Amino acid sequence: MKARRHFLRNLLGLSVLSWADSVRAQMMPFSFWKKPNAPIIPVYCLISGSTTALTSPDGTTWTQRTLPSGSVWISIARSPTTFCMVAQGSTAAATSPDGINWTAGSPPNKAWGNLSWNGTRFLASTGWAGGVTSSNFITSTNGTTWSNVAIFLDVGWATAASGTGFCAVTESGECINSTNGTSWSEQDGHPEGATHLYSGGGNVVSIYANGASSNVFFSTNNGVSWTSKNMPSSAVWSVGTYGNSTFCLASPSTTKAAISTNGGSTWTAKTLPVSAAWTDIAYG
């Protein structure tokens, strides 16, 4: 799964949470909301697998909020105007303009594991590569009304979205892509073992994270072709995001991190100040 992640600041010098705040807020994803036709005002929204959420204007001062149901909220994404989140193994979904006031939704009851936004619509998929044995995709332009998407391979998918469309891979090597989330084309050449996808800057990075790995694969054409690249060290690179023209990966329960400023072609090792059970990271 995986749709949006958090921890950076001293690592990249980006305007997100400080390291102390990231340790406090490490267990769930967050994103931000920009008021239409207004200057960018970051609002961090931190969700949990219950009714508890937190919002913050600066990553330092947090206010507790209440989510609409006590579900296992598994993934959150944002459009320019709307937060959307889905829950695992239930019909629960919710949308919010500000991370404070939430409206419950009801997508089909599936083991949702990924949620992403490609610039025009949300895409939710079941599980992640290797995580489930059946596949379901649904799309929505507003996070409220959802449409089923037919997928021709009944396996678990890892998905990612960028401005160029959607890409999905499986642990057994299948790869499909789409410009709209509804019509999908099968692609050849993706290696076996992918469990996570991260996208940004027109590129997609594919990660094997069921065990330690010393390489990643990246694509510059939305999954049509893939190139293997070495990581600085072997690790479980299961936490990642893209922001400020930089891919950033981290390894849970270690101090290992790595960044790429050229779309995943080369990677530089970074050291986190603390080791923690990192789960999700987002830039905003």
C-alpha atoms as a PDB file:
ATOM      1  CA  MET A   1       0.000   0.000   0.000  1.00  0.00           C
ATOM      2  CA  LYS A   2       0.854   3.021   0.167  1.00  0.00           C
ATOM      3  CA  ALA A   3      -0.210   6.311  -0.629  1.00  0.00           C
ATOM      4  CA  ARG A   4       1.308   9.396   1.338  1.00  0.00           C
ATOM      5  CA  ARG A   5       4.202   9.703   3.894  1.00  0.00           C
ATOM      6  CA  HIS A   6       5.989  11.752   6.554  1.00  0.00           C
ATOM      7  CA  PHE A   7       9.254  12.620   8.277  1.00  0.00           C
ATOM      8  CA  LEU A   8      11.718  14.887   6.464  1.00  0.00           C
ATOM      9  CA  ARG A   9      13.133  18.387   7.484  1.00  0.00           C
ATOM     10  CA  ASN A  10      16.725  18.276   8.565  1.00  0.00           C
ATOM     11  CA  LEU A  11      17.340  15.465   6.085  1.00  0.00           C
ATOM     12  CA  LEU A  12      16.434  17.578   3.067  1.00  0.00           C
ATOM     13  CA  GLY A  13      15.881  21.053   4.482  1.00  0.00           C
ATOM     14  CA  LEU A  14      12.221  20.905   3.492  1.00  0.00           C
ATOM     15  CA  SER A  15       9.390  22.805   5.156  1.00  0.00           C
ATOM     16  CA  VAL A  16       7.663  19.911   6.868  1.00  0.00           C
ATOM     17  CA  LEU A  17       7.674  18.441  10.365  1.00  0.00           C
ATOM     18  CA  SER A  18      10.741  18.784  12.537  1.00  0.00           C
ATOM     19  CA  TRP A  19      12.480  15.592  13.586  1.00  0.00           C
ATOM     20  CA  ALA A  20      11.117  15.834  17.127  1.00  0.00           C
ATOM     21  CA  ASP A  21       7.624  16.239  15.740  1.00  0.00           C
ATOM     22  CA  SER A  22       8.146  13.359  13.323  1.00  0.00           C
ATOM     23  CA  VAL A  23       8.943  11.028  16.198  1.00  0.00           C
ATOM     24  CA  ARG A  24       5.762  12.098  17.982  1.00  0.00           C
ATOM     25  CA  ALA A  25       3.707  11.780  14.826  1.00  0.00           C
ATOM     26  CA  GLN A  26       5.362   8.806  13.199  1.00  0.00           C
ATOM     27  CA  MET A  27       2.595   6.233  13.217  1.00  0.00           C
ATOM     28  CA  MET A  28       0.125   7.467  10.573  1.00  0.00           C
ATOM     29  CA  PRO A  29       0.099   9.456   7.304  1.00  0.00           C
ATOM     30  CA  PHE A  30      -0.668  13.141   6.880  1.00  0.00           C
ATOM     31  CA  SER A  31      -1.132  15.564   4.054  1.00  0.00           C
ATOM     32  CA  PHE A  32      -2.171  19.182   3.622  1.00  0.00           C
ATOM     33  CA  TRP A  33      -4.952  21.319   2.224  1.00  0.00           C
ATOM     34  CA  LYS A  34      -4.690  24.489   0.171  1.00  0.00           C
ATOM     35  CA  LYS A  35      -7.670  26.828   0.205  1.00  0.00           C
ATOM     36  CA  PRO A  36      -8.739  27.509  -3.392  1.00  0.00           C
ATOM     37  CA  ASN A  37      -7.454  30.800  -4.841  1.00  0.00           C
ATOM     38  CA  ALA A  38      -5.495  31.544  -1.680  1.00  0.00           C
ATOM     39  CA  PRO A  39      -1.830  31.429  -0.711  1.00  0.00           C
ATOM     40  CA  ILE A  40      -0.556  27.992   0.225  1.00  0.00           C
ATOM     41  CA  ILE A  41      -1.405  27.383   3.877  1.00  0.00           C
ATOM     42  CA  PRO A  42      -0.108  23.964   4.906  1.00  0.00           C
ATOM     43  CA  VAL A  43      -2.417  21.982   7.144  1.00  0.00           C
ATOM     44  CA  TYR A  44      -1.095  18.668   8.361  1.00  0.00           C
ATOM     45  CA  CYS A  45      -3.674  15.953   8.949  1.00  0.00           C
ATOM     46  CA  LEU A  46      -2.546  12.949  10.951  1.00  0.00           C
ATOM     47  CA  ILE A  47      -4.918   9.976  10.991  1.00  0.00           C
ATOM     48  CA  SER A  48      -5.061   6.858  13.131  1.00  0.00           C
ATOM     49  CA  GLY A  49      -6.816   3.520  12.927  1.00  0.00           C
ATOM     50  CA  SER A  50      -9.573   4.783  15.234  1.00  0.00           C
ATOM     51  CA  THR A  51     -11.660   7.962  15.649  1.00  0.00           C
ATOM     52  CA  THR A  52      -8.659  10.089  16.599  1.00  0.00           C
ATOM     53  CA  ALA A  53      -6.994  12.528  14.222  1.00  0.00           C
ATOM     54  CA  LEU A  54      -4.694  15.513  14.658  1.00  0.00           C
ATOM     55  CA  THR A  55      -4.284  18.684  12.636  1.00  0.00           C
ATOM     56  CA  SER A  56      -1.506  21.226  12.760  1.00  0.00           C
ATOM     57  CA  PRO A  57      -0.704  24.448  10.898  1.00  0.00           C
ATOM     58  CA  ASP A  58       3.024  24.096  11.491  1.00  0.00           C
ATOM     59  CA  GLY A  59       3.829  20.575  12.684  1.00  0.00           C
ATOM     60  CA  THR A  60       4.486  21.853  16.211  1.00  0.00           C
ATOM     61  CA  THR A  61       1.089  22.668  17.700  1.00  0.00           C
ATOM     62  CA  TRP A  62      -1.433  19.869  17.281  1.00  0.00           C
ATOM     63  CA  THR A  63      -5.199  19.856  17.858  1.00  0.00           C
ATOM     64  CA  GLN A  64      -7.151  16.657  18.353  1.00  0.00           C
ATOM     65  CA  ARG A  65     -10.006  15.986  15.930  1.00  0.00           C
ATOM     66  CA  THR A  66     -12.621  13.254  15.647  1.00  0.00           C
ATOM     67  CA  LEU A  67     -12.978  11.008  12.623  1.00  0.00           C
ATOM     68  CA  PRO A  68     -16.474   9.851  11.649  1.00  0.00           C
ATOM     69  CA  SER A  69     -16.080   6.189  12.633  1.00  0.00           C
ATOM     70  CA  GLY A  70     -13.729   3.917  14.528  1.00  0.00           C
ATOM     71  CA  SER A  71     -12.332   2.210  11.445  1.00  0.00           C
ATOM     72  CA  VAL A  72      -8.853   1.056  10.557  1.00  0.00           C
ATOM     73  CA  TRP A  73      -7.963   4.100   8.470  1.00  0.00           C
ATOM     74  CA  ILE A  74      -5.215   2.796   6.241  1.00  0.00           C
ATOM     75  CA  SER A  75      -4.468   5.442   3.607  1.00  0.00           C
ATOM     76  CA  ILE A  76      -4.994   9.158   3.019  1.00  0.00           C
ATOM     77  CA  ALA A  77      -4.588  11.306  -0.081  1.00  0.00           C
ATOM     78  CA  ARG A  78      -5.478  14.828  -1.074  1.00  0.00           C
ATOM     79  CA  SER A  79      -6.777  16.728  -4.048  1.00  0.00           C
ATOM     80  CA  PRO A  80      -6.342  20.511  -4.163  1.00  0.00           C
ATOM     81  CA  THR A  81      -9.543  20.916  -2.139  1.00  0.00           C
ATOM     82  CA  THR A  82     -10.277  17.637  -0.373  1.00  0.00           C
ATOM     83  CA  PHE A  83      -8.710  15.140   1.980  1.00  0.00           C
ATOM     84  CA  CYS A  84      -9.894  11.593   1.337  1.00  0.00           C
ATOM     85  CA  MET A  85      -9.162   8.497   3.378  1.00  0.00           C
ATOM     86  CA  VAL A  86     -10.218   4.863   3.168  1.00  0.00           C
ATOM     87  CA  ALA A  87     -10.353   2.103   5.761  1.00  0.00           C
ATOM     88  CA  GLN A  88      -9.114  -1.432   5.475  1.00  0.00           C
ATOM     89  CA  GLY A  89     -11.635  -4.251   5.316  1.00  0.00           C
ATOM     90  CA  SER A  90     -14.778  -2.118   5.604  1.00  0.00           C
ATOM     91  CA  THR A  91     -17.093   0.213   3.711  1.00  0.00           C
ATOM     92  CA  ALA A  92     -15.684   3.233   5.515  1.00  0.00           C
ATOM     93  CA  ALA A  93     -14.319   6.277   3.728  1.00  0.00           C
ATOM     94  CA  ALA A  94     -14.368   9.952   4.626  1.00  0.00           C
ATOM     95  CA  THR A  95     -13.683  13.337   3.069  1.00  0.00           C
ATOM     96  CA  SER A  96     -12.795  16.687   4.565  1.00  0.00           C
ATOM     97  CA  PRO A  97     -11.964  20.156   3.220  1.00  0.00           C
ATOM     98  CA  ASP A  98      -9.722  20.991   6.171  1.00  0.00           C
ATOM     99  CA  GLY A  99      -8.909  17.857   8.178  1.00  0.00           C
ATOM    100  CA  ILE A 100     -11.334  19.019  10.886  1.00  0.00           C
ATOM    101  CA  ASN A 101     -14.857  18.456   9.594  1.00  0.00           C
ATOM    102  CA  TRP A 102     -15.316  15.006   8.094  1.00  0.00           C
ATOM    103  CA  THR A 103     -18.126  13.494   6.053  1.00  0.00           C
ATOM    104  CA  ALA A 104     -18.494   9.725   5.991  1.00  0.00           C
ATOM    105  CA  GLY A 105     -18.594   7.883   2.692  1.00  0.00           C
ATOM    106  CA  SER A 106     -19.198   4.286   1.703  1.00  0.00           C
ATOM    107  CA  PRO A 107     -17.030   2.668  -0.943  1.00  0.00           C
ATOM    108  CA  PRO A 108     -17.410  -1.082  -1.507  1.00  0.00           C
ATOM    109  CA  ASN A 109     -16.326  -3.331   1.355  1.00  0.00           C
ATOM    110  CA  LYS A 110     -12.814  -4.481   0.477  1.00  0.00           C
ATOM    111  CA  ALA A 111      -9.351  -4.716   2.016  1.00  0.00           C
ATOM    112  CA  TRP A 112      -8.270  -1.278   0.798  1.00  0.00           C
ATOM    113  CA  GLY A 113      -4.544  -0.692   1.071  1.00  0.00           C
ATOM    114  CA  ASN A 114      -3.670   2.140  -1.338  1.00  0.00           C
ATOM    115  CA  LEU A 115      -5.194   5.523  -2.074  1.00  0.00           C
ATOM    116  CA  SER A 116      -3.728   8.038  -4.504  1.00  0.00           C
ATOM    117  CA  TRP A 117      -4.609  11.199  -6.444  1.00  0.00           C
ATOM    118  CA  ASN A 118      -3.309  11.791  -9.971  1.00  0.00           C
ATOM    119  CA  GLY A 119      -4.517  15.339 -10.507  1.00  0.00           C
ATOM    120  CA  THR A 120      -8.038  14.488 -11.674  1.00  0.00           C
ATOM    121  CA  ARG A 121      -9.292  11.581  -9.553  1.00  0.00           C
ATOM    122  CA  PHE A 122      -8.677   9.341  -6.567  1.00  0.00           C
ATOM    123  CA  LEU A 123      -7.806   5.686  -7.068  1.00  0.00           C
ATOM    124  CA  ALA A 124      -8.200   3.116  -4.302  1.00  0.00           C
ATOM    125  CA  SER A 125      -6.903  -0.415  -4.673  1.00  0.00           C
ATOM    126  CA  THR A 126      -7.070  -3.500  -2.517  1.00  0.00           C
ATOM    127  CA  GLY A 127      -4.025  -4.398  -0.542  1.00  0.00           C
ATOM    128  CA  TRP A 128      -0.539  -4.127  -1.936  1.00  0.00           C
ATOM    129  CA  ALA A 129       1.666  -6.398  -3.966  1.00  0.00           C
ATOM    130  CA  GLY A 130       1.751  -9.724  -2.163  1.00  0.00           C
ATOM    131  CA  GLY A 131      -0.790  -8.465   0.365  1.00  0.00           C
ATOM    132  CA  VAL A 132      -4.035  -9.911  -0.971  1.00  0.00           C
ATOM    133  CA  THR A 133      -5.130 -12.564  -3.439  1.00  0.00           C
ATOM    134  CA  SER A 134      -7.902 -10.606  -5.166  1.00  0.00           C
ATOM    135  CA  SER A 135      -7.922  -7.214  -6.820  1.00  0.00           C
ATOM    136  CA  ASN A 136     -10.394  -4.365  -6.853  1.00  0.00           C
ATOM    137  CA  PHE A 137      -9.878  -0.812  -8.060  1.00  0.00           C
ATOM    138  CA  ILE A 138     -12.324   2.043  -7.554  1.00  0.00           C
ATOM    139  CA  THR A 139     -12.089   5.652  -8.685  1.00  0.00           C
ATOM    140  CA  SER A 140     -13.691   8.897  -7.582  1.00  0.00           C
ATOM    141  CA  THR A 141     -13.372  12.526  -8.600  1.00  0.00           C
ATOM    142  CA  ASN A 142     -14.624  13.792  -5.232  1.00  0.00           C
ATOM    143  CA  GLY A 143     -13.932  11.023  -2.688  1.00  0.00           C
ATOM    144  CA  THR A 144     -17.670  10.520  -2.156  1.00  0.00           C
ATOM    145  CA  THR A 145     -19.047   8.718  -5.208  1.00  0.00           C
ATOM    146  CA  TRP A 146     -17.023   5.710  -6.318  1.00  0.00           C
ATOM    147  CA  SER A 147     -17.006   3.620  -9.492  1.00  0.00           C
ATOM    148  CA  ASN A 148     -15.677   0.086  -9.844  1.00  0.00           C
ATOM    149  CA  VAL A 149     -12.847  -0.546 -12.290  1.00  0.00           C
ATOM    150  CA  ALA A 150     -12.382  -3.922 -13.956  1.00  0.00           C
ATOM    151  CA  ILE A 151      -8.871  -5.342 -13.482  1.00  0.00           C
ATOM    152  CA  PHE A 152      -7.905  -8.371 -15.545  1.00  0.00           C
ATOM    153  CA  LEU A 153      -5.484  -9.967 -13.055  1.00  0.00           C
ATOM    154  CA  ASP A 154      -6.875 -11.160  -9.718  1.00  0.00           C
ATOM    155  CA  VAL A 155      -3.834 -10.407  -7.544  1.00  0.00           C
ATOM    156  CA  GLY A 156      -2.660  -7.829  -5.031  1.00  0.00           C
ATOM    157  CA  TRP A 157      -1.374  -4.585  -6.541  1.00  0.00           C
ATOM    158  CA  ALA A 158       0.906  -1.804  -5.389  1.00  0.00           C
ATOM    159  CA  THR A 159      -0.231   1.461  -6.970  1.00  0.00           C
ATOM    160  CA  ALA A 160       1.078   4.978  -7.410  1.00  0.00           C
ATOM    161  CA  ALA A 161      -0.146   8.122  -9.126  1.00  0.00           C
ATOM    162  CA  SER A 162       1.431  11.189 -10.636  1.00  0.00           C
ATOM    163  CA  GLY A 163       0.421  13.872 -13.090  1.00  0.00           C
ATOM    164  CA  THR A 164       0.988  11.436 -15.955  1.00  0.00           C
ATOM    165  CA  GLY A 165      -1.479   8.834 -14.711  1.00  0.00           C
ATOM    166  CA  PHE A 166      -1.449   5.692 -12.598  1.00  0.00           C
ATOM    167  CA  CYS A 167       0.902   2.728 -12.431  1.00  0.00           C
ATOM    168  CA  ALA A 168       0.395  -0.601 -10.649  1.00  0.00           C
ATOM    169  CA  VAL A 169       2.681  -3.597 -10.157  1.00  0.00           C
ATOM    170  CA  THR A 170       2.496  -6.973  -8.458  1.00  0.00           C
ATOM    171  CA  GLU A 171       5.054  -8.955  -6.528  1.00  0.00           C
ATOM    172  CA  SER A 172       5.081 -11.571  -9.298  1.00  0.00           C
ATOM    173  CA  GLY A 173       6.142  -9.022 -11.919  1.00  0.00           C
ATOM    174  CA  GLU A 174       2.933  -7.884 -13.616  1.00  0.00           C
ATOM    175  CA  CYS A 175       2.716  -4.192 -14.480  1.00  0.00           C
ATOM    176  CA  ILE A 176      -0.194  -2.118 -15.766  1.00  0.00           C
ATOM    177  CA  ASN A 177      -0.611   1.607 -16.335  1.00  0.00           C
ATOM    178  CA  SER A 178      -3.408   4.044 -17.035  1.00  0.00           C
ATOM    179  CA  THR A 179      -3.862   7.691 -17.894  1.00  0.00           C
ATOM    180  CA  ASN A 180      -7.277   7.929 -16.236  1.00  0.00           C
ATOM    181  CA  GLY A 181      -7.567   5.099 -13.689  1.00  0.00           C
ATOM    182  CA  THR A 182     -10.323   3.345 -15.632  1.00  0.00           C
ATOM    183  CA  SER A 183      -8.677   1.939 -18.771  1.00  0.00           C
ATOM    184  CA  TRP A 184      -5.506  -0.046 -18.092  1.00  0.00           C
ATOM    185  CA  SER A 185      -2.784  -1.411 -20.365  1.00  0.00           C
ATOM    186  CA  GLU A 186      -0.486  -4.301 -19.549  1.00  0.00           C
ATOM    187  CA  GLN A 187       3.261  -3.638 -19.730  1.00  0.00           C
ATOM    188  CA  ASP A 188       6.206  -6.015 -19.905  1.00  0.00           C
ATOM    189  CA  GLY A 189       9.619  -5.819 -18.343  1.00  0.00           C
ATOM    190  CA  HIS A 190       8.941  -5.169 -14.673  1.00  0.00           C
ATOM    191  CA  PRO A 191      10.985  -7.489 -12.417  1.00  0.00           C
ATOM    192  CA  GLU A 192       9.410  -9.724  -9.808  1.00  0.00           C
ATOM    193  CA  GLY A 193       9.337  -8.754  -6.154  1.00  0.00           C
ATOM    194  CA  ALA A 194       7.781  -5.280  -6.081  1.00  0.00           C
ATOM    195  CA  THR A 195       5.782  -4.431  -2.964  1.00  0.00           C
ATOM    196  CA  HIS A 196       5.716  -0.602  -3.001  1.00  0.00           C
ATOM    197  CA  LEU A 197       5.514   2.141  -5.628  1.00  0.00           C
ATOM    198  CA  TYR A 198       6.362   5.834  -5.252  1.00  0.00           C
ATOM    199  CA  SER A 199       5.935   8.436  -7.966  1.00  0.00           C
ATOM    200  CA  GLY A 200       6.914  12.015  -8.613  1.00  0.00           C
ATOM    201  CA  GLY A 201       8.370  14.286 -11.242  1.00  0.00           C
ATOM    202  CA  GLY A 202       7.027  12.021 -13.970  1.00  0.00           C
ATOM    203  CA  ASN A 203       8.990   9.005 -12.683  1.00  0.00           C
ATOM    204  CA  VAL A 204       7.948   5.912 -10.744  1.00  0.00           C
ATOM    205  CA  VAL A 205      10.178   4.065  -8.264  1.00  0.00           C
ATOM    206  CA  SER A 206       9.473   0.403  -7.497  1.00  0.00           C
ATOM    207  CA  ILE A 207      10.626  -1.145  -4.215  1.00  0.00           C
ATOM    208  CA  TYR A 208      10.910  -4.686  -2.895  1.00  0.00           C
ATOM    209  CA  ALA A 209      10.191  -4.401   0.831  1.00  0.00           C
ATOM    210  CA  ASN A 210       9.308  -7.900   2.005  1.00  0.00           C
ATOM    211  CA  GLY A 211      12.971  -8.206   2.946  1.00  0.00           C
ATOM    212  CA  ALA A 212      16.224  -6.312   2.690  1.00  0.00           C
ATOM    213  CA  SER A 213      17.164  -5.128  -0.794  1.00  0.00           C
ATOM    214  CA  SER A 214      20.109  -3.195  -2.186  1.00  0.00           C
ATOM    215  CA  ASN A 215      18.495  -2.021  -5.408  1.00  0.00           C
ATOM    216  CA  VAL A 216      15.377  -0.306  -6.731  1.00  0.00           C
ATOM    217  CA  PHE A 217      13.799  -0.017 -10.155  1.00  0.00           C
ATOM    218  CA  PHE A 218      12.677   3.218 -11.722  1.00  0.00           C
ATOM    219  CA  SER A 219      10.637   4.136 -14.770  1.00  0.00           C
ATOM    220  CA  THR A 220      10.549   7.420 -16.667  1.00  0.00           C
ATOM    221  CA  ASN A 221       7.529   6.472 -18.806  1.00  0.00           C
ATOM    222  CA  ASN A 222       4.878   5.435 -16.280  1.00  0.00           C
ATOM    223  CA  GLY A 223       5.851   1.787 -16.125  1.00  0.00           C
ATOM    224  CA  VAL A 224       6.454   1.014 -19.789  1.00  0.00           C
ATOM    225  CA  SER A 225      10.130   0.204 -19.143  1.00  0.00           C
ATOM    226  CA  TRP A 226      12.237  -0.162 -15.979  1.00  0.00           C
ATOM    227  CA  THR A 227      15.895   0.267 -15.025  1.00  0.00           C
ATOM    228  CA  SER A 228      17.624  -1.236 -11.984  1.00  0.00           C
ATOM    229  CA  LYS A 229      19.632   1.101  -9.752  1.00  0.00           C
ATOM    230  CA  ASN A 230      21.737   0.411  -6.669  1.00  0.00           C
ATOM    231  CA  MET A 231      20.853   1.718  -3.230  1.00  0.00           C
ATOM    232  CA  PRO A 232      23.591   2.922  -0.844  1.00  0.00           C
ATOM    233  CA  SER A 233      23.013  -0.132   1.363  1.00  0.00           C
ATOM    234  CA  SER A 234      20.767  -3.137   1.814  1.00  0.00           C
ATOM    235  CA  ALA A 235      17.599  -2.372   3.809  1.00  0.00           C
ATOM    236  CA  VAL A 236      13.837  -2.767   3.865  1.00  0.00           C
ATOM    237  CA  TRP A 237      12.997   0.417   1.934  1.00  0.00           C
ATOM    238  CA  SER A 238       9.261   0.368   2.686  1.00  0.00           C
ATOM    239  CA  VAL A 239       8.692   4.059   3.533  1.00  0.00           C
ATOM    240  CA  GLY A 240       8.967   6.666   0.823  1.00  0.00           C
ATOM    241  CA  THR A 241       7.668   9.837  -0.771  1.00  0.00           C
ATOM    242  CA  TYR A 242       8.453  12.520  -3.337  1.00  0.00           C
ATOM    243  CA  GLY A 243       8.686  16.265  -2.751  1.00  0.00           C
ATOM    244  CA  ASN A 244      10.738  19.286  -3.772  1.00  0.00           C
ATOM    245  CA  SER A 245      12.073  17.334  -6.796  1.00  0.00           C
ATOM    246  CA  THR A 246      13.435  14.644  -4.463  1.00  0.00           C
ATOM    247  CA  PHE A 247      12.587  11.020  -3.762  1.00  0.00           C
ATOM    248  CA  CYS A 248      13.163  10.076  -0.125  1.00  0.00           C
ATOM    249  CA  LEU A 249      13.165   6.536   1.252  1.00  0.00           C
ATOM    250  CA  ALA A 250      13.571   5.259   4.792  1.00  0.00           C
ATOM    251  CA  SER A 251      13.903   1.865   6.407  1.00  0.00           C
ATOM    252  CA  PRO A 252      11.670   1.138   9.446  1.00  0.00           C
ATOM    253  CA  SER A 253      13.324   0.480  12.800  1.00  0.00           C
ATOM    254  CA  THR A 254      16.673   1.741  11.519  1.00  0.00           C
ATOM    255  CA  THR A 255      18.358   5.100  10.985  1.00  0.00           C
ATOM    256  CA  LYS A 256      18.820   4.407   7.280  1.00  0.00           C
ATOM    257  CA  ALA A 257      17.470   6.810   4.688  1.00  0.00           C
ATOM    258  CA  ALA A 258      18.314   7.608   1.082  1.00  0.00           C
ATOM    259  CA  ILE A 259      17.451  10.378  -1.350  1.00  0.00           C
ATOM    260  CA  SER A 260      17.474  10.799  -5.105  1.00  0.00           C
ATOM    261  CA  THR A 261      17.362  14.186  -6.818  1.00  0.00           C
ATOM    262  CA  ASN A 262      17.405  12.824 -10.371  1.00  0.00           C
ATOM    263  CA  GLY A 263      14.227  10.772 -10.500  1.00  0.00           C
ATOM    264  CA  GLY A 264      15.587   7.594  -8.948  1.00  0.00           C
ATOM    265  CA  SER A 265      18.664   7.209 -11.126  1.00  0.00           C
ATOM    266  CA  THR A 266      21.213   7.627  -8.315  1.00  0.00           C
ATOM    267  CA  TRP A 267      20.785   7.525  -4.541  1.00  0.00           C
ATOM    268  CA  THR A 268      22.645   9.138  -1.643  1.00  0.00           C
ATOM    269  CA  ALA A 269      22.707   7.686   1.868  1.00  0.00           C
ATOM    270  CA  LYS A 270      21.353   9.752   4.757  1.00  0.00           C
ATOM    271  CA  THR A 271      21.264   8.997   8.469  1.00  0.00           C
ATOM    272  CA  LEU A 272      18.183   9.649  10.572  1.00  0.00           C
ATOM    273  CA  PRO A 273      18.742  11.068  14.066  1.00  0.00           C
ATOM    274  CA  VAL A 274      16.732   8.271  15.689  1.00  0.00           C
ATOM    275  CA  SER A 275      15.493   4.794  14.898  1.00  0.00           C
ATOM    276  CA  ALA A 276      11.736   4.229  15.038  1.00  0.00           C
ATOM    277  CA  ALA A 277       9.012   2.082  13.508  1.00  0.00           C
ATOM    278  CA  TRP A 278       8.516   4.415  10.549  1.00  0.00           C
ATOM    279  CA  THR A 279       5.210   3.719   8.777  1.00  0.00           C
ATOM    280  CA  ASP A 280       4.300   6.598   6.461  1.00  0.00           C
ATOM    281  CA  ILE A 281       5.732   9.854   5.162  1.00  0.00           C
ATOM    282  CA  ALA A 282       4.336  12.791   3.175  1.00  0.00           C
ATOM    283  CA  TYR A 283       5.682  16.076   1.905  1.00  0.00           C
ATOM    284  CA  GLY A 284       3.562  19.186   1.980  1.00  0.00           C
END
